[in-house]
C-alpha atoms as a PDB file:
ATOM      1  CA  MET A   1     -18.576-114.027  74.197  1.00  0.00           C
ATOM      2  CA  ARG A   2     -19.042-115.151  77.785  1.00  0.00           C
ATOM      3  CA  GLN A   3     -21.640-116.907  79.871  1.00  0.00           C
ATOM      4  CA  ILE A   4     -23.362-115.310  82.821  1.00  0.00           C
ATOM      5  CA  ARG A   5     -21.688-116.699  85.943  1.00  0.00           C
ATOM      6  CA  SER A   6     -24.777-117.982  87.736  1.00  0.00           C
ATOM      7  CA  ALA A   7     -26.706-121.199  88.220  1.00  0.00           C
ATOM      8  CA  ARG A   8     -29.698-119.249  86.960  1.00  0.00           C
ATOM      9  CA  ALA A   9     -27.898-118.176  83.814  1.00  0.00           C
ATOM     10  CA  LEU A  10     -30.117-116.634  81.201  1.00  0.00           C
ATOM     11  CA  VAL A  11     -28.115-115.951  78.095  1.00  0.00           C
ATOM     12  CA  ALA A  12     -24.763-115.359  76.513  1.00  0.00           C
ATOM     13  CA  LEU A  13     -23.588-111.754  76.535  1.00  0.00           C
ATOM     14  CA  THR A  14     -21.500-109.655  74.200  1.00  0.00           C
ATOM     15  CA  CYS A  15     -20.285-106.191  75.269  1.00  0.00           C
ATOM     16  CA  LEU A  16     -19.692-103.594  72.580  1.00  0.00           C
ATOM     17  CA  LEU A  17     -18.826 -99.922  72.684  1.00  0.00           C
ATOM     18  CA  ALA A  18     -21.544 -97.871  71.025  1.00  0.00           C
ATOM     19  CA  GLY A  19     -21.924 -94.263  69.990  1.00  0.00           C
ATOM     20  CA  CYS A  20     -19.066 -91.983  71.043  1.00  0.00           C
ATOM     21  CA  ALA A  21     -20.056 -88.365  71.624  1.00  0.00           C
ATOM     22  CA  GLY A  22     -20.186 -86.350  68.431  1.00  0.00           C
ATOM     23  CA  GLY A  23     -20.018 -89.412  66.207  1.00  0.00           C
ATOM     24  CA  SER A  24     -23.680 -90.239  65.856  1.00  0.00           C
ATOM     25  CA  GLY A  25     -24.703 -87.568  63.365  1.00  0.00           C
ATOM     26  CA  VAL A  26     -27.941 -87.100  65.326  1.00  0.00           C
ATOM     27  CA  ASP A  27     -28.470 -83.473  66.537  1.00  0.00           C
ATOM     28  CA  ASP A  28     -26.653 -83.629  69.886  1.00  0.00           C
ATOM     29  CA  GLY A  29     -27.823 -87.195  70.540  1.00  0.00           C
ATOM     30  CA  VAL A  30     -25.788 -90.374  70.767  1.00  0.00           C
ATOM     31  CA  ARG A  31     -26.681 -93.472  68.795  1.00  0.00           C
ATOM     32  CA  VAL A  32     -26.781 -96.400  71.196  1.00  0.00           C
ATOM     33  CA  ILE A  33     -27.613 -99.292  68.881  1.00  0.00           C
ATOM     34  CA  GLU A  34     -28.609 -99.733  65.243  1.00  0.00           C
ATOM     35  CA  ALA A  35     -31.886-101.216  63.989  1.00  0.00           C
ATOM     36  CA  ALA A  36     -33.498-101.433  67.418  1.00  0.00           C
ATOM     37  CA  GLU A  37     -36.454-100.362  69.563  1.00  0.00           C
ATOM     38  CA  VAL A  38     -36.201 -98.637  72.929  1.00  0.00           C
ATOM     39  CA  GLY A  39     -38.006 -99.962  75.992  1.00  0.00           C
ATOM     40  CA  GLY A  40     -36.891 -98.047  79.091  1.00  0.00           C
ATOM     41  CA  LEU A  41     -34.471 -95.374  80.311  1.00  0.00           C
ATOM     42  CA  PHE A  42     -33.024 -94.769  83.797  1.00  0.00           C
ATOM     43  CA  PHE A  43     -30.278 -92.641  85.344  1.00  0.00           C
ATOM     44  CA  LEU A  44     -28.915 -93.190  88.851  1.00  0.00           C
ATOM     45  CA  ASP A  45     -27.061 -89.870  88.851  1.00  0.00           C
ATOM     46  CA  SER A  46     -25.763 -87.341  86.336  1.00  0.00           C
ATOM     47  CA  SER A  47     -23.148 -89.803  85.033  1.00  0.00           C
ATOM     48  CA  ARG A  48     -24.500 -93.359  85.310  1.00  0.00           C
ATOM     49  CA  GLY A  49     -27.471 -94.446  83.241  1.00  0.00           C
ATOM     50  CA  TRP A  50     -28.995 -97.363  81.324  1.00  0.00           C
ATOM     51  CA  VAL A  51     -31.300 -97.900  78.368  1.00  0.00           C
ATOM     52  CA  VAL A  52     -32.949-101.184  77.331  1.00  0.00           C
ATOM     53  CA  GLY A  53     -34.729-102.445  74.251  1.00  0.00           C
ATOM     54  CA  SER A  54     -34.749-105.040  71.494  1.00  0.00           C
ATOM     55  CA  GLU A  55     -33.132-105.485  68.094  1.00  0.00           C
ATOM     56  CA  ARG A  56     -35.619-105.382  65.249  1.00  0.00           C
ATOM     57  CA  LYS A  57     -34.265-108.168  63.040  1.00  0.00           C
ATOM     58  CA  THR A  58     -32.918-110.717  65.514  1.00  0.00           C
ATOM     59  CA  ARG A  59     -35.344-109.916  68.368  1.00  0.00           C
ATOM     60  CA  ASN A  60     -32.382-110.182  70.710  1.00  0.00           C
ATOM     61  CA  LEU A  61     -32.518-107.845  73.688  1.00  0.00           C
ATOM     62  CA  PHE A  62     -29.969-105.262  74.784  1.00  0.00           C
ATOM     63  CA  ILE A  63     -28.909-103.335  77.871  1.00  0.00           C
ATOM     64  CA  ALA A  64     -26.682-100.315  77.302  1.00  0.00           C
ATOM     65  CA  ALA A  65     -24.870 -98.452  80.080  1.00  0.00           C
ATOM     66  CA  THR A  66     -23.117 -95.084  80.255  1.00  0.00           C
ATOM     67  CA  GLU A  67     -20.754 -93.679  82.864  1.00  0.00           C
ATOM     68  CA  ASN A  68     -20.377 -90.210  81.351  1.00  0.00           C
ATOM     69  CA  GLY A  69     -23.927 -88.909  81.185  1.00  0.00           C
ATOM     70  CA  GLY A  70     -24.690 -90.487  77.814  1.00  0.00           C
ATOM     71  CA  GLY A  71     -21.545 -89.440  75.964  1.00  0.00           C
ATOM     72  CA  SER A  72     -20.808 -93.087  75.149  1.00  0.00           C
ATOM     73  CA  TRP A  73     -22.484 -96.413  75.830  1.00  0.00           C
ATOM     74  CA  ALA A  74     -21.311 -99.984  76.517  1.00  0.00           C
ATOM     75  CA  ARG A  75     -23.867-102.417  75.146  1.00  0.00           C
ATOM     76  CA  THR A  76     -24.746-105.876  76.446  1.00  0.00           C
ATOM     77  CA  ARG A  77     -26.582-108.073  73.950  1.00  0.00           C
ATOM     78  CA  ILE A  78     -28.964-110.670  75.370  1.00  0.00           C
ATOM     79  CA  GLU A  79     -29.704-113.546  73.025  1.00  0.00           C
ATOM     80  CA  ASN A  80     -33.371-114.396  72.676  1.00  0.00           C
ATOM     81  CA  LYS A  81     -33.676-118.162  73.125  1.00  0.00           C
ATOM     82  CA  SER A  82     -37.449-118.264  73.541  1.00  0.00           C
ATOM     83  CA  ARG A  83     -40.016-119.073  70.877  1.00  0.00           C
ATOM     84  CA  GLY A  84     -41.757-115.743  71.313  1.00  0.00           C
ATOM     85  CA  PHE A  85     -40.606-112.161  71.017  1.00  0.00           C
ATOM     86  CA  PRO A  86     -40.010-110.837  74.536  1.00  0.00           C
ATOM     87  CA  ALA A  87     -39.207-107.179  75.013  1.00  0.00           C
ATOM     88  CA  LEU A  88     -37.439-105.373  77.833  1.00  0.00           C
ATOM     89  CA  THR A  89     -39.679-102.532  78.991  1.00  0.00           C
ATOM     90  CA  GLY A  90     -37.858-101.049  81.982  1.00  0.00           C
ATOM     91  CA  ILE A  91     -34.638-100.937  83.991  1.00  0.00           C
ATOM     92  CA  ALA A  92     -33.511 -99.368  87.279  1.00  0.00           C
ATOM     93  CA  PHE A  93     -30.613 -99.518  89.705  1.00  0.00           C
ATOM     94  CA  ARG A  94     -30.934 -98.950  93.440  1.00  0.00           C
ATOM     95  CA  ASP A  95     -27.183 -98.307  93.735  1.00  0.00           C
ATOM     96  CA  PRO A  96     -24.199 -98.700  91.382  1.00  0.00           C
ATOM     97  CA  SER A  97     -24.153-102.494  91.917  1.00  0.00           C
ATOM     98  CA  HIS A  98     -27.764-103.680  92.225  1.00  0.00           C
ATOM     99  CA  GLY A  99     -30.247-103.399  89.391  1.00  0.00           C
ATOM    100  CA  TRP A 100     -33.205-105.057  87.672  1.00  0.00           C
ATOM    101  CA  ALA A 101     -34.650-105.142  84.182  1.00  0.00           C
ATOM    102  CA  PHE A 102     -38.173-106.336  83.393  1.00  0.00           C
ATOM    103  CA  GLY A 103     -40.230-107.031  80.309  1.00  0.00           C
ATOM    104  CA  SER A 104     -42.967-108.978  78.597  1.00  0.00           C
ATOM    105  CA  HIS A 105     -43.333-112.759  78.892  1.00  0.00           C
ATOM    106  CA  ALA A 106     -42.702-112.389  82.666  1.00  0.00           C
ATOM    107  CA  LEU A 107     -39.088-111.584  81.806  1.00  0.00           C
ATOM    108  CA  ALA A 108     -36.879-110.415  84.683  1.00  0.00           C
ATOM    109  CA  ILE A 109     -33.127-110.276  85.171  1.00  0.00           C
ATOM    110  CA  SER A 110     -31.039-108.846  87.992  1.00  0.00           C
ATOM    111  CA  THR A 111     -27.434-107.884  88.635  1.00  0.00           C
ATOM    112  CA  ARG A 112     -25.412-107.480  91.806  1.00  0.00           C
ATOM    113  CA  ASP A 113     -22.153-106.408  90.181  1.00  0.00           C
ATOM    114  CA  GLY A 114     -23.130-103.308  88.256  1.00  0.00           C
ATOM    115  CA  GLY A 115     -24.246-105.171  85.129  1.00  0.00           C
ATOM    116  CA  LYS A 116     -21.143-107.304  84.557  1.00  0.00           C
ATOM    117  CA  THR A 117     -23.326-110.393  84.975  1.00  0.00           C
ATOM    118  CA  TRP A 118     -27.086-110.829  84.961  1.00  0.00           C
ATOM    119  CA  ASP A 119     -29.193-113.550  86.617  1.00  0.00           C
ATOM    120  CA  LYS A 120     -32.488-114.827  85.316  1.00  0.00           C
ATOM    121  CA  GLU A 121     -35.458-114.150  87.599  1.00  0.00           C
ATOM    122  CA  LYS A 122     -39.221-114.388  87.084  1.00  0.00           C
ATOM    123  CA  ALA A 123     -41.503-111.388  87.049  1.00  0.00           C
ATOM    124  CA  PRO A 124     -44.982-111.644  88.619  1.00  0.00           C
ATOM    125  CA  GLY A 125     -46.514-111.039  85.192  1.00  0.00           C
ATOM    126  CA  ASP A 126     -45.946-109.333  81.872  1.00  0.00           C
ATOM    127  CA  VAL A 127     -44.373-105.990  82.739  1.00  0.00           C
ATOM    128  CA  ARG A 128     -45.595-103.067  80.677  1.00  0.00           C
ATOM    129  CA  THR A 129     -43.702-100.416  82.663  1.00  0.00           C
ATOM    130  CA  PHE A 130     -41.167-100.429  85.519  1.00  0.00           C
ATOM    131  CA  ARG A 131     -40.543 -97.429  87.773  1.00  0.00           C
ATOM    132  CA  TYR A 132     -38.173 -97.101  90.716  1.00  0.00           C
ATOM    133  CA  ARG A 133     -37.506 -94.280  93.171  1.00  0.00           C
ATOM    134  CA  GLU A 134     -35.557 -94.148  96.438  1.00  0.00           C
ATOM    135  CA  GLY A 135     -36.078 -97.733  97.582  1.00  0.00           C
ATOM    136  CA  THR A 136     -39.522 -98.334  96.067  1.00  0.00           C
ATOM    137  CA  GLY A 137     -40.191-100.126  92.786  1.00  0.00           C
ATOM    138  CA  SER A 138     -43.470-100.601  90.962  1.00  0.00           C
ATOM    139  CA  LEU A 139     -44.317-102.822  87.993  1.00  0.00           C
ATOM    140  CA  VAL A 140     -47.297-102.168  85.732  1.00  0.00           C
ATOM    141  CA  LEU A 141     -48.644-105.552  84.671  1.00  0.00           C
ATOM    142  CA  GLY A 142     -50.751-105.956  81.572  1.00  0.00           C
ATOM    143  CA  PRO A 143     -50.665-106.669  77.832  1.00  0.00           C
ATOM    144  CA  PRO A 144     -49.624-108.656  75.883  1.00  0.00           C
ATOM    145  CA  GLY A 145     -51.439-110.745  78.454  1.00  0.00           C
ATOM    146  CA  TYR A 146     -49.511-114.006  78.522  1.00  0.00           C
ATOM    147  CA  SER A 147     -49.733-114.143  82.322  1.00  0.00           C
ATOM    148  CA  GLY A 148     -53.301-112.884  82.596  1.00  0.00           C
ATOM    149  CA  ARG A 149     -52.432-110.495  85.430  1.00  0.00           C
ATOM    150  CA  ASP A 150     -53.320-106.814  85.262  1.00  0.00           C
ATOM    151  CA  GLY A 151     -52.572-104.212  87.899  1.00  0.00           C
ATOM    152  CA  PHE A 152     -49.611-103.045  89.926  1.00  0.00           C
ATOM    153  CA  PHE A 153     -46.877-104.933  91.754  1.00  0.00           C
ATOM    154  CA  THR A 154     -45.054-102.651  94.186  1.00  0.00           C
ATOM    155  CA  PHE A 155     -42.008-103.659  96.199  1.00  0.00           C
ATOM    156  CA  GLN A 156     -39.459-102.230  98.593  1.00  0.00           C
ATOM    157  CA  ASN A 157     -35.771-103.079  98.745  1.00  0.00           C
ATOM    158  CA  ASP A 158     -36.557-105.395 101.688  1.00  0.00           C
ATOM    159  CA  ASP A 159     -38.851-107.431  99.397  1.00  0.00           C
ATOM    160  CA  VAL A 160     -35.868-108.479  97.278  1.00  0.00           C
ATOM    161  CA  ASP A 161     -34.002-111.658  98.199  1.00  0.00           C
ATOM    162  CA  GLY A 162     -30.778-111.480  96.222  1.00  0.00           C
ATOM    163  CA  GLY A 163     -32.270-110.372  92.929  1.00  0.00           C
ATOM    164  CA  ARG A 164     -35.556-112.262  93.270  1.00  0.00           C
ATOM    165  CA  LEU A 165     -38.815-110.528  94.178  1.00  0.00           C
ATOM    166  CA  ARG A 166     -40.814-112.207  96.915  1.00  0.00           C
ATOM    167  CA  GLU A 167     -44.278-113.106  95.666  1.00  0.00           C
ATOM    168  CA  LYS A 168     -47.126-110.922  96.885  1.00  0.00           C
ATOM    169  CA  ALA A 169     -50.717-110.315  95.920  1.00  0.00           C
ATOM    170  CA  VAL A 170     -51.395-108.321  92.758  1.00  0.00           C
ATOM    171  CA  PRO A 171     -54.713-106.482  92.491  1.00  0.00           C
ATOM    172  CA  ASN A 172     -56.711-108.019  89.674  1.00  0.00           C
ATOM    173  CA  ASP A 173     -59.571-105.704  88.779  1.00  0.00           C
ATOM    174  CA  ILE A 174     -61.397-106.143  85.481  1.00  0.00           C
ATOM    175  CA  ASN A 175     -61.587-102.334  85.238  1.00  0.00           C
ATOM    176  CA  MET A 176     -57.900-101.808  86.009  1.00  0.00           C
ATOM    177  CA  PHE A 177     -55.722-101.705  82.911  1.00  0.00           C
ATOM    178  CA  PRO A 178     -52.957 -99.261  83.784  1.00  0.00           C
ATOM    179  CA  HIS A 179     -50.358 -97.916  81.364  1.00  0.00           C
ATOM    180  CA  ASP A 180     -47.874 -96.267  83.727  1.00  0.00           C
ATOM    181  CA  VAL A 181     -47.173 -95.529  87.387  1.00  0.00           C
ATOM    182  CA  GLN A 182     -45.429 -92.773  89.345  1.00  0.00           C
ATOM    183  CA  ILE A 183     -43.888 -93.199  92.788  1.00  0.00           C
ATOM    184  CA  VAL A 184     -44.391 -89.951  94.729  1.00  0.00           C
ATOM    185  CA  ASP A 185     -43.039 -91.391  97.990  1.00  0.00           C
ATOM    186  CA  PRO A 186     -42.875 -94.898  99.536  1.00  0.00           C
ATOM    187  CA  GLN A 187     -46.565 -94.732 100.506  1.00  0.00           C
ATOM    188  CA  THR A 188     -48.053 -92.653  97.682  1.00  0.00           C
ATOM    189  CA  LEU A 189     -48.292 -93.962  94.122  1.00  0.00           C
ATOM    190  CA  TRP A 190     -50.338 -92.748  91.166  1.00  0.00           C
ATOM    191  CA  GLY A 191     -51.071 -94.725  88.008  1.00  0.00           C
ATOM    192  CA  PHE A 192     -53.139 -94.037  84.937  1.00  0.00           C
ATOM    193  CA  GLY A 193     -54.920 -95.871  82.141  1.00  0.00           C
ATOM    194  CA  ASP A 194     -57.021 -94.804  79.173  1.00  0.00           C
ATOM    195  CA  GLY A 195     -59.894 -93.323  81.147  1.00  0.00           C
ATOM    196  CA  ALA A 196     -58.875 -93.420  84.784  1.00  0.00           C
ATOM    197  CA  LEU A 197     -56.319 -92.628  87.451  1.00  0.00           C
ATOM    198  CA  TYR A 198     -55.339 -95.111  90.146  1.00  0.00           C
ATOM    199  CA  ARG A 199     -54.093 -94.085  93.585  1.00  0.00           C
ATOM    200  CA  SER A 200     -52.475 -95.953  96.441  1.00  0.00           C
ATOM    201  CA  THR A 201     -51.703 -94.402  99.832  1.00  0.00           C
ATOM    202  CA  ASP A 202     -50.425 -97.581 101.495  1.00  0.00           C
ATOM    203  CA  GLY A 203     -47.353 -98.399  99.449  1.00  0.00           C
ATOM    204  CA  GLY A 204     -49.219-100.235  96.685  1.00  0.00           C
ATOM    205  CA  ASP A 205     -51.117-102.729  98.848  1.00  0.00           C
ATOM    206  CA  SER A 206     -54.479-101.339  97.698  1.00  0.00           C
ATOM    207  CA  TRP A 207     -55.602 -99.006  94.920  1.00  0.00           C
ATOM    208  CA  GLY A 208     -58.554 -96.744  94.300  1.00  0.00           C
ATOM    209  CA  THR A 209     -59.896 -95.898  90.842  1.00  0.00           C
ATOM    210  CA  ILE A 210     -60.835 -92.357  89.774  1.00  0.00           C
ATOM    211  CA  ARG A 211     -62.709 -92.019  86.501  1.00  0.00           C
ATOM    212  CA  ILE A 212     -61.552 -89.076  84.373  1.00  0.00           C
ATOM    213  CA  ASP A 213     -64.709 -87.947  82.599  1.00  0.00           C
ATOM    214  CA  GLU A 214     -62.758 -85.643  80.276  1.00  0.00           C
ATOM    215  CA  ALA A 215     -61.256 -88.753  78.651  1.00  0.00           C
ATOM    216  CA  TYR A 216     -64.665 -90.053  77.483  1.00  0.00           C
ATOM    217  CA  SER A 217     -66.550 -89.075  74.356  1.00  0.00           C
ATOM    218  CA  GLY A 218     -69.673 -90.917  75.538  1.00  0.00           C
ATOM    219  CA  PRO A 219     -70.979 -92.741  78.613  1.00  0.00           C
ATOM    220  CA  SER A 220     -68.540 -95.624  78.130  1.00  0.00           C
ATOM    221  CA  THR A 221     -66.458 -94.724  75.069  1.00  0.00           C
ATOM    222  CA  ILE A 222     -62.876 -93.588  75.494  1.00  0.00           C
ATOM    223  CA  GLY A 223     -62.146 -90.447  73.480  1.00  0.00           C
ATOM    224  CA  ASP A 224     -58.697 -88.879  73.607  1.00  0.00           C
ATOM    225  CA  GLY A 225     -57.770 -90.837  76.727  1.00  0.00           C
ATOM    226  CA  VAL A 226     -55.349 -90.055  79.553  1.00  0.00           C
ATOM    227  CA  ARG A 227     -51.941 -89.625  77.907  1.00  0.00           C
ATOM    228  CA  ALA A 228     -49.827 -88.799  80.955  1.00  0.00           C
ATOM    229  CA  ALA A 229     -50.000 -87.713  84.581  1.00  0.00           C
ATOM    230  CA  PHE A 230     -47.643 -86.325  87.202  1.00  0.00           C
ATOM    231  CA  PHE A 231     -48.337 -85.748  90.890  1.00  0.00           C
ATOM    232  CA  LEU A 232     -46.384 -83.687  93.388  1.00  0.00           C
ATOM    233  CA  SER A 233     -48.218 -85.145  96.401  1.00  0.00           C
ATOM    234  CA  VAL A 234     -51.136 -87.332  97.367  1.00  0.00           C
ATOM    235  CA  THR A 235     -53.516 -84.541  96.281  1.00  0.00           C
ATOM    236  CA  THR A 236     -51.779 -82.160  93.834  1.00  0.00           C
ATOM    237  CA  GLY A 237     -50.993 -83.077  90.260  1.00  0.00           C
ATOM    238  CA  PHE A 238     -51.402 -82.641  86.519  1.00  0.00           C
ATOM    239  CA  ILE A 239     -53.179 -84.836  83.956  1.00  0.00           C
ATOM    240  CA  VAL A 240     -52.874 -84.838  80.162  1.00  0.00           C
ATOM    241  CA  VAL A 241     -56.032 -85.830  78.265  1.00  0.00           C
ATOM    242  CA  GLY A 242     -55.395 -85.699  74.539  1.00  0.00           C
ATOM    243  CA  ASP A 243     -53.465 -82.429  74.240  1.00  0.00           C
ATOM    244  CA  ARG A 244     -55.344 -80.783  77.128  1.00  0.00           C
ATOM    245  CA  LEU A 245     -53.712 -80.240  80.505  1.00  0.00           C
ATOM    246  CA  LEU A 246     -55.762 -80.538  83.683  1.00  0.00           C
ATOM    247  CA  ALA A 247     -54.719 -79.614  87.221  1.00  0.00           C
ATOM    248  CA  THR A 248     -56.027 -80.914  90.540  1.00  0.00           C
ATOM    249  CA  THR A 249     -55.448 -80.106  94.199  1.00  0.00           C
ATOM    250  CA  ASP A 250     -57.912 -82.608  95.690  1.00  0.00           C
ATOM    251  CA  ALA A 251     -56.649 -85.978  94.430  1.00  0.00           C
ATOM    252  CA  ALA A 252     -58.424 -85.610  91.055  1.00  0.00           C
ATOM    253  CA  GLY A 253     -61.835 -85.206  92.680  1.00  0.00           C
ATOM    254  CA  THR A 254     -62.127 -81.997  90.693  1.00  0.00           C
ATOM    255  CA  ARG A 255     -59.980 -80.964  87.744  1.00  0.00           C
ATOM    256  CA  LYS A 256     -59.289 -77.525  86.304  1.00  0.00           C
ATOM    257  CA  ALA A 257     -58.598 -77.194  82.595  1.00  0.00           C
ATOM    258  CA  LEU A 258     -55.425 -75.183  81.984  1.00  0.00           C
ATOM    259  CA  GLY A 259     -55.649 -75.223  78.213  1.00  0.00           C
ATOM    260  CA  ARG A 260     -53.732 -77.023  75.520  1.00  0.00           C
ATOM    261  CA  LEU A 261     -50.049 -77.787  75.627  1.00  0.00           C
ATOM    262  CA  GLY A 262     -49.447 -75.726  72.529  1.00  0.00           C
ATOM    263  CA  ALA A 263     -47.672 -78.012  70.045  1.00  0.00           C
ATOM    264  CA  GLY A 264     -50.192 -78.939  67.399  1.00  0.00           C
ATOM    265  CA  GLY A 265     -50.161 -82.558  66.263  1.00  0.00           C
ATOM    266  CA  PHE A 266     -47.895 -83.752  69.069  1.00  0.00           C
ATOM    267  CA  VAL A 267     -48.962 -86.417  71.565  1.00  0.00           C
ATOM    268  CA  HIS A 268     -47.601 -85.540  74.994  1.00  0.00           C
ATOM    269  CA  SER A 269     -46.648 -88.907  76.405  1.00  0.00           C
ATOM    270  CA  ARG A 270     -44.488 -87.705  79.328  1.00  0.00           C
ATOM    271  CA  ILE A 271     -44.693 -84.771  81.738  1.00  0.00           C
ATOM    272  CA  PHE A 272     -42.647 -83.842  84.795  1.00  0.00           C
ATOM    273  CA  PHE A 273     -43.102 -81.021  87.319  1.00  0.00           C
ATOM    274  CA  PHE A 274     -40.467 -79.762  89.748  1.00  0.00           C
ATOM    275  CA  ASP A 275     -43.083 -77.842  91.738  1.00  0.00           C
ATOM    276  CA  GLU A 276     -46.480 -76.246  91.153  1.00  0.00           C
ATOM    277  CA  THR A 277     -45.112 -73.801  88.579  1.00  0.00           C
ATOM    278  CA  ARG A 278     -42.141 -75.328  86.710  1.00  0.00           C
ATOM    279  CA  GLY A 279     -42.559 -78.332  84.430  1.00  0.00           C
ATOM    280  CA  VAL A 280     -41.331 -80.094  81.304  1.00  0.00           C
ATOM    281  CA  ALA A 281     -43.178 -82.159  78.689  1.00  0.00           C
ATOM    282  CA  LEU A 282     -42.150 -84.516  75.893  1.00  0.00           C
ATOM    283  CA  GLY A 283     -44.260 -84.206  72.771  1.00  0.00           C
ATOM    284  CA  SER A 284     -43.898 -86.633  69.900  1.00  0.00           C
ATOM    285  CA  THR A 285     -45.422 -87.924  66.711  1.00  0.00           C
ATOM    286  CA  ARG A 286     -44.254 -90.853  64.624  1.00  0.00           C
ATOM    287  CA  ALA A 287     -42.035 -88.441  62.755  1.00  0.00           C
ATOM    288  CA  ALA A 288     -40.707 -85.815  65.179  1.00  0.00           C
ATOM    289  CA  GLY A 289     -40.372 -84.734  68.791  1.00  0.00           C
ATOM    290  CA  THR A 290     -40.192 -81.609  70.935  1.00  0.00           C
ATOM    291  CA  ILE A 291     -39.470 -80.624  74.536  1.00  0.00           C
ATOM    292  CA  LEU A 292     -41.739 -77.985  76.082  1.00  0.00           C
ATOM    293  CA  THR A 293     -41.288 -76.145  79.378  1.00  0.00           C
ATOM    294  CA  THR A 294     -43.602 -74.083  81.576  1.00  0.00           C
ATOM    295  CA  ALA A 295     -42.911 -71.595  84.359  1.00  0.00           C
ATOM    296  CA  ASP A 296     -46.516 -70.728  85.244  1.00  0.00           C
ATOM    297  CA  GLY A 297     -48.015 -74.020  86.332  1.00  0.00           C
ATOM    298  CA  GLY A 298     -48.848 -75.271  82.858  1.00  0.00           C
ATOM    299  CA  ARG A 299     -50.916 -72.312  81.685  1.00  0.00           C
ATOM    300  CA  THR A 300     -48.446 -71.506  78.911  1.00  0.00           C
ATOM    301  CA  TRP A 301     -45.672 -73.587  77.342  1.00  0.00           C
ATOM    302  CA  SER A 302     -42.567 -72.728  75.339  1.00  0.00           C
ATOM    303  CA  LYS A 303     -40.612 -74.942  72.996  1.00  0.00           C
ATOM    304  CA  ALA A 304     -37.239 -75.594  74.670  1.00  0.00           C
ATOM    305  CA  VAL A 305     -35.720 -78.248  72.406  1.00  0.00           C
ATOM    306  CA  ASP A 306     -36.620 -79.288  68.875  1.00  0.00           C
ATOM    307  CA  LEU A 307     -35.708 -82.965  68.838  1.00  0.00           C
ATOM    308  CA  GLY A 308     -36.131 -83.246  65.100  1.00  0.00           C
ATOM    309  CA  SER A 309     -37.121 -86.427  63.323  1.00  0.00           C
ATOM    310  CA  GLY A 310     -37.709 -89.679  65.162  1.00  0.00           C
ATOM    311  CA  GLU A 311     -40.122 -91.502  67.461  1.00  0.00           C
ATOM    312  CA  TRP A 312     -39.309 -90.101  70.919  1.00  0.00           C
ATOM    313  CA  SER A 313     -40.939 -92.133  73.684  1.00  0.00           C
ATOM    314  CA  ASN A 314     -38.904 -91.923  76.911  1.00  0.00           C
ATOM    315  CA  LEU A 315     -38.194 -88.993  79.222  1.00  0.00           C
ATOM    316  CA  PHE A 316     -36.094 -89.208  82.387  1.00  0.00           C
ATOM    317  CA  VAL A 317     -35.622 -86.117  84.555  1.00  0.00           C
ATOM    318  CA  LEU A 318     -33.019 -86.318  87.318  1.00  0.00           C
ATOM    319  CA  ASP A 319     -33.046 -82.678  88.431  1.00  0.00           C
ATOM    320  CA  ASN A 320     -33.479 -79.211  86.957  1.00  0.00           C
ATOM    321  CA  THR A 321     -30.182 -79.384  85.062  1.00  0.00           C
ATOM    322  CA  HIS A 322     -30.007 -83.060  84.017  1.00  0.00           C
ATOM    323  CA  ALA A 323     -32.553 -84.854  81.851  1.00  0.00           C
ATOM    324  CA  TRP A 324     -32.548 -87.247  78.897  1.00  0.00           C
ATOM    325  CA  VAL A 325     -34.896 -88.354  76.143  1.00  0.00           C
ATOM    326  CA  ALA A 326     -34.676 -91.619  74.217  1.00  0.00           C
ATOM    327  CA  GLY A 327     -36.245 -92.600  70.941  1.00  0.00           C
ATOM    328  CA  VAL A 328     -35.742 -94.189  67.558  1.00  0.00           C
ATOM    329  CA  VAL A 329     -34.211 -92.088  64.772  1.00  0.00           C
ATOM    330  CA  ASN A 330     -33.861 -93.670  61.336  1.00  0.00           C
ATOM    331  CA  GLY A 331     -34.257 -97.081  62.937  1.00  0.00           C
ATOM    332  CA  ASN A 332     -31.559 -96.514  65.569  1.00  0.00           C
ATOM    333  CA  VAL A 333     -31.964 -96.043  69.328  1.00  0.00           C
ATOM    334  CA  VAL A 334     -30.745 -92.548  70.268  1.00  0.00           C
ATOM    335  CA  VAL A 335     -30.386 -90.946  73.708  1.00  0.00           C
ATOM    336  CA  ARG A 336     -30.171 -87.158  73.952  1.00  0.00           C
ATOM    337  CA  PRO A 337     -29.373 -85.101  77.092  1.00  0.00           C
ATOM    338  CA  PHE A 338     -30.847 -81.679  77.810  1.00  0.00           C
ATOM    339  CA  ALA A 339     -31.176 -79.208  80.695  1.00  0.00           C
ATOM    340  CA  PRO A 340     -34.854 -78.763  81.656  1.00  0.00           C
ATOM    341  CA  GLN A 341     -34.397 -75.349  83.305  1.00  0.00           C
END
């Protein structure tokens, strides 16, 4: 047991070794922590990665790190000293030393020594999702609503002073309730919510809203809803509505239906495309998961990996040979690697 060495110390930490390769008993996956929920997954390269979440019984938080591609994990437990039940929802590192983790209750912590110590920061709101790519980070702010701020908070490495984010305006639009965000490049970001896409072409300073009519079952009633989206550029991308896949080449002004993803009963919560033809999708129910791949632009899909039982919620694709999924199997957080192509 040791204290974080910082005047802004957050918690006491305990590091434990978790889940050696082959010892988890989970179909090629590695058990990271028992009796827990997973919040976010991130890999800096093919070896170094992190997963965050919370313990079910104690409501303590955890950060787990691997240096061998997920073969084993070193876990840092973060004691919950608040009255509520905060949850870590995302983590990312900009290099091997500097990283951030965000969550609900405006929770934010940062490290400058590769995760050996963590400093308490303050997020600009309750963070539903955190994404980071090549010097640009974006926070999706929203429920549970303690801060009352909804929208996106996008930052560059230059916006970080030590580990603290400099305050900036957050778009507050009563019709903007995003679920996730994708960073295409430093200027182009796409987000999505139940019935809309959101696009920024100025690095997150302003956002436009695009209603997705296919997500509505009536004039104002959300039907299946937008489940996932992935864009290759400012104009070209793919959108999942229910189990239907749509494609666009004009920034979602028009959308072409490509058909259904082909795994009955599965909700496709994550998709990733390498180019206009090759892609990968994570399908899951509350009881099982599957990985699908396409080589014809999403017109047809093949089952690549049967994940088996569990609630699989996170997909991280590094390149066409390195990807990981994370979920909860029999109450335990499990991370499983796979090759997308």
